[in-house]
Amino acid sequence: MENERHKKSFELSDLWTIAWKRKWLIIVPLVLISISSLFGSYLITPEYQSSVIIWLGNSMRLSDQLRRIVGDAGNVLGDERHRTEELRSLQNEVTSSPYIKQLIDNLKLGDDPALDRKVKKAEPSRSDLSPDQIKFELLLNDLRSRIAVSFAGWDQVKIAVLSTDPVKAKDMAQNLGEILMAENMKQEQGSARQSEEFTYGQLEK
């Protein structure tokens, strides 16, 4: 028994001695990793997220009874599938070309020397497009990757925007919210007129 204990003690002390002699093999990689992480954090450009929540309100649509007549029962039931489709539709709407065009014009996002350099670099391979069209295409693809739309409530939509500039992120999110509200108001006014015309038509029948 004593021989076994002595053997175990000897093996542990032996391992400790070896580890101590080769301590730099453990310490140096840890130090290098820490330094690399520190410098890496300075080299990586930070991104800021800003978001706005838009209350869409109750859409001015046909009554439930009339909606069932025209076969739009899915919206009446308000099932999860309809919510998913509605969210996808909102994402496509907010990142559509007309919305992005308004955003670019409102905030003058095209006035960027770095973007002009990208346009000149892309011109040889995109001879079918004008410089302005190339610029818009570059901005459109970049902004689409930075904009996310999600539900913040049953009738609330959250628009989030990523940017390396916190002020620009805030301005873009706020501006997109204003564009969505303005467009939604136009759609509601049009839907209200259609609903009235449809209702009067049904009453006459």
Protein backbone atom coordinates (compact mmCIF):
# COMPACT_ATOMS: atom_id res chain seq x y z
CA MET A 1 0.00 0.00 0.00
CA GLU A 2 2.77 2.42 0.96
CA ASN A 3 4.58 1.73 -2.32
CA GLU A 4 1.43 2.54 -4.29
CA ARG A 5 0.89 5.82 -2.38
CA HIS A 6 4.52 6.75 -2.84
CA LYS A 7 4.26 5.96 -6.54
CA LYS A 8 1.14 8.13 -6.96
CA SER A 9 2.73 10.97 -5.00
CA PHE A 10 5.84 10.69 -7.08
CA GLU A 11 3.88 10.77 -10.33
CA LEU A 12 1.90 13.88 -9.31
CA SER A 13 4.99 15.75 -8.17
CA ASP A 14 6.73 14.70 -11.36
CA LEU A 15 3.90 16.10 -13.47
CA TRP A 16 3.93 19.35 -11.53
CA THR A 17 7.69 19.71 -12.08
CA ILE A 18 7.33 19.12 -15.81
CA ALA A 19 4.43 21.58 -16.05
CA TRP A 20 6.40 24.23 -14.14
CA LYS A 21 9.42 23.82 -16.39
CA ARG A 22 7.22 24.25 -19.45
CA LYS A 23 5.00 26.98 -18.01
CA TRP A 24 5.86 29.35 -20.85
CA LEU A 25 4.27 26.96 -23.31
CA ILE A 26 0.99 27.61 -21.48
CA ILE A 27 1.43 31.27 -20.54
CA VAL A 28 2.72 32.59 -23.89
CA PRO A 29 -0.27 31.34 -25.99
CA LEU A 30 -2.69 32.80 -23.43
CA VAL A 31 -0.92 36.17 -23.55
CA LEU A 32 -0.85 36.15 -27.37
CA ILE A 33 -4.55 35.31 -27.56
CA SER A 34 -5.40 38.12 -25.12
CA ILE A 35 -3.32 40.65 -27.07
CA SER A 36 -4.83 39.53 -30.39
CA SER A 37 -8.35 39.87 -28.99
CA LEU A 38 -7.56 43.34 -27.63
CA PHE A 39 -6.15 44.63 -30.92
CA GLY A 40 -8.90 42.88 -32.88
CA SER A 41 -11.58 44.73 -30.92
CA TYR A 42 -9.98 48.04 -31.94
CA LEU A 43 -9.70 47.04 -35.61
CA ILE A 44 -13.31 45.83 -35.94
CA THR A 45 -15.67 48.65 -36.88
CA PRO A 46 -18.53 48.76 -34.35
CA GLU A 47 -22.12 48.67 -35.59
CA TYR A 48 -25.01 50.41 -33.88
CA GLN A 49 -28.66 49.44 -34.01
CA SER A 50 -31.50 51.91 -33.79
CA SER A 51 -35.19 51.08 -33.97
CA VAL A 52 -38.62 52.66 -34.00
CA ILE A 53 -42.00 51.14 -33.17
CA ILE A 54 -44.90 52.10 -35.40
CA TRP A 55 -48.50 51.70 -34.34
CA LEU A 56 -50.44 50.76 -37.45
CA GLY A 57 -53.82 50.79 -35.72
CA ASN A 58 -56.85 48.91 -36.89
CA SER A 59 -56.87 48.91 -40.65
CA MET A 60 -59.98 50.40 -42.19
CA ARG A 61 -61.13 47.27 -43.96
CA LEU A 62 -64.33 45.51 -44.84
CA SER A 63 -66.53 44.19 -42.05
CA ASP A 64 -65.98 40.55 -41.01
CA GLN A 65 -69.25 39.50 -42.63
CA LEU A 66 -68.37 41.07 -45.96
CA ARG A 67 -64.82 39.69 -45.77
CA ARG A 68 -66.24 36.19 -45.40
CA ILE A 69 -68.41 36.81 -48.46
CA VAL A 70 -65.36 37.67 -50.56
CA GLY A 71 -63.41 34.71 -49.15
CA ASP A 72 -60.90 36.50 -46.91
CA ALA A 73 -61.61 34.41 -43.81
CA GLY A 74 -57.90 33.93 -43.08
CA ASN A 75 -57.54 37.58 -42.08
CA VAL A 76 -60.68 37.41 -39.92
CA LEU A 77 -59.35 34.46 -37.97
CA GLY A 78 -55.99 36.18 -37.56
CA ASP A 79 -54.11 32.85 -37.56
CA GLU A 80 -50.36 32.52 -37.18
CA ARG A 81 -49.84 31.78 -40.85
CA HIS A 82 -51.47 35.06 -41.80
CA ARG A 83 -49.30 36.92 -39.27
CA THR A 84 -46.16 35.39 -40.77
CA GLU A 85 -47.23 36.34 -44.27
CA GLU A 86 -48.14 39.83 -43.11
CA LEU A 87 -44.70 40.29 -41.54
CA ARG A 88 -42.99 39.08 -44.71
CA SER A 89 -45.09 41.49 -46.71
CA LEU A 90 -44.10 44.37 -44.40
CA GLN A 91 -40.40 43.45 -44.67
CA ASN A 92 -40.68 43.45 -48.47
CA GLU A 93 -42.60 46.72 -48.42
CA VAL A 94 -40.15 48.58 -46.16
CA THR A 95 -37.14 47.34 -48.15
CA SER A 96 -38.76 47.88 -51.55
CA SER A 97 -37.14 50.15 -54.13
CA PRO A 98 -39.65 53.03 -53.70
CA TYR A 99 -39.15 53.10 -49.91
CA ILE A 100 -35.35 52.89 -50.18
CA LYS A 101 -35.38 55.59 -52.87
CA GLN A 102 -37.28 57.93 -50.55
CA LEU A 103 -34.87 57.11 -47.71
CA ILE A 104 -31.81 57.82 -49.87
CA ASP A 105 -33.24 61.11 -51.12
CA ASN A 106 -34.44 62.27 -47.69
CA LEU A 107 -31.11 61.63 -45.95
CA LYS A 108 -28.85 62.21 -48.99
CA LEU A 109 -27.20 58.82 -48.48
CA GLY A 110 -25.75 58.95 -51.99
CA ASP A 111 -23.44 61.83 -51.05
CA ASP A 112 -20.57 59.60 -49.95
CA PRO A 113 -17.04 59.72 -51.46
CA ALA A 114 -16.45 56.07 -50.49
CA LEU A 115 -19.58 55.09 -52.41
CA ASP A 116 -18.41 57.07 -55.45
CA ARG A 117 -15.17 55.08 -55.43
CA LYS A 118 -17.15 51.82 -55.36
CA VAL A 119 -19.22 53.02 -58.30
CA LYS A 120 -16.10 53.80 -60.37
CA LYS A 121 -14.69 50.39 -59.52
CA ALA A 122 -17.92 48.67 -60.59
CA GLU A 123 -18.43 50.66 -63.82
CA PRO A 124 -16.28 48.43 -66.12
CA SER A 125 -18.28 45.32 -65.21
CA ARG A 126 -21.68 47.10 -65.28
CA SER A 127 -21.52 48.98 -68.57
CA ASP A 128 -25.26 48.39 -69.05
CA LEU A 129 -26.03 50.75 -66.15
CA SER A 130 -25.42 54.44 -65.63
CA PRO A 131 -23.31 55.58 -62.63
CA ASP A 132 -26.48 56.71 -60.83
CA GLN A 133 -28.12 53.32 -61.39
CA ILE A 134 -25.02 51.53 -60.11
CA LYS A 135 -24.97 53.77 -57.04
CA PHE A 136 -28.63 53.08 -56.32
CA GLU A 137 -28.13 49.34 -56.74
CA LEU A 138 -25.19 49.35 -54.32
CA LEU A 139 -27.14 51.37 -51.76
CA LEU A 140 -30.25 49.25 -52.21
CA ASN A 141 -28.42 45.97 -51.56
CA ASP A 142 -26.50 47.41 -48.61
CA LEU A 143 -29.54 48.96 -46.93
CA ARG A 144 -31.67 45.86 -47.41
CA SER A 145 -29.11 43.85 -45.46
CA ARG A 146 -29.23 46.40 -42.61
CA ILE A 147 -33.01 46.74 -42.20
CA ALA A 148 -35.13 44.29 -40.21
CA VAL A 149 -38.89 44.39 -39.60
CA SER A 150 -40.64 42.55 -36.78
CA PHE A 151 -43.86 42.70 -34.79
CA ALA A 152 -43.65 44.54 -31.47
CA GLY A 153 -47.30 43.87 -30.67
CA TRP A 154 -50.53 42.83 -32.33
CA ASP A 155 -50.81 46.11 -34.23
CA GLN A 156 -47.28 47.44 -33.73
CA VAL A 157 -44.30 47.08 -36.07
CA LYS A 158 -40.65 47.48 -35.12
CA ILE A 159 -38.18 48.74 -37.74
CA ALA A 160 -34.53 48.19 -36.79
CA VAL A 161 -31.54 49.57 -38.73
CA LEU A 162 -27.82 48.78 -38.39
CA SER A 163 -25.12 51.33 -39.18
CA THR A 164 -21.53 52.13 -38.25
CA ASP A 165 -22.77 55.66 -37.44
CA PRO A 166 -25.21 55.78 -34.48
CA VAL A 167 -26.75 59.08 -35.64
CA LYS A 168 -27.28 57.71 -39.15
CA ALA A 169 -28.85 54.55 -37.71
CA LYS A 170 -31.31 56.66 -35.71
CA ASP A 171 -32.14 58.91 -38.67
CA MET A 172 -32.70 55.98 -41.02
CA ALA A 173 -34.97 54.11 -38.58
CA GLN A 174 -37.01 57.25 -37.88
CA ASN A 175 -37.27 58.15 -41.56
CA LEU A 176 -38.37 54.66 -42.56
CA GLY A 177 -41.02 54.80 -39.84
CA GLU A 178 -42.32 58.09 -41.23
CA ILE A 179 -42.38 56.69 -44.77
CA LEU A 180 -44.28 53.60 -43.62
CA MET A 181 -46.85 55.68 -41.73
CA ALA A 182 -47.38 57.99 -44.72
CA GLU A 183 -47.79 55.07 -47.13
CA ASN A 184 -50.04 53.22 -44.67
CA MET A 185 -52.25 56.30 -44.40
CA LYS A 186 -52.60 56.43 -48.19
CA GLN A 187 -53.52 52.73 -48.29
CA GLU A 188 -56.08 53.14 -45.50
CA GLN A 189 -57.72 56.06 -47.28
CA GLY A 190 -57.90 54.02 -50.48
CA SER A 191 -59.25 50.98 -48.60
CA ALA A 192 -61.88 53.16 -46.90
CA ARG A 193 -63.12 54.42 -50.26
CA GLN A 194 -63.23 50.87 -51.68
CA SER A 195 -65.03 49.62 -48.56
CA GLU A 196 -67.67 52.34 -48.85
CA GLU A 197 -68.22 51.65 -52.54
CA PHE A 198 -68.46 47.90 -51.92
CA THR A 199 -70.86 48.36 -48.96
CA TYR A 200 -73.12 50.74 -50.90
CA GLY A 201 -73.12 48.31 -53.80
CA GLN A 202 -74.15 45.41 -51.56
CA LEU A 203 -76.89 47.50 -49.93
CA GLU A 204 -78.29 48.42 -53.32
CA LYS A 205 -78.37 44.75 -54.28
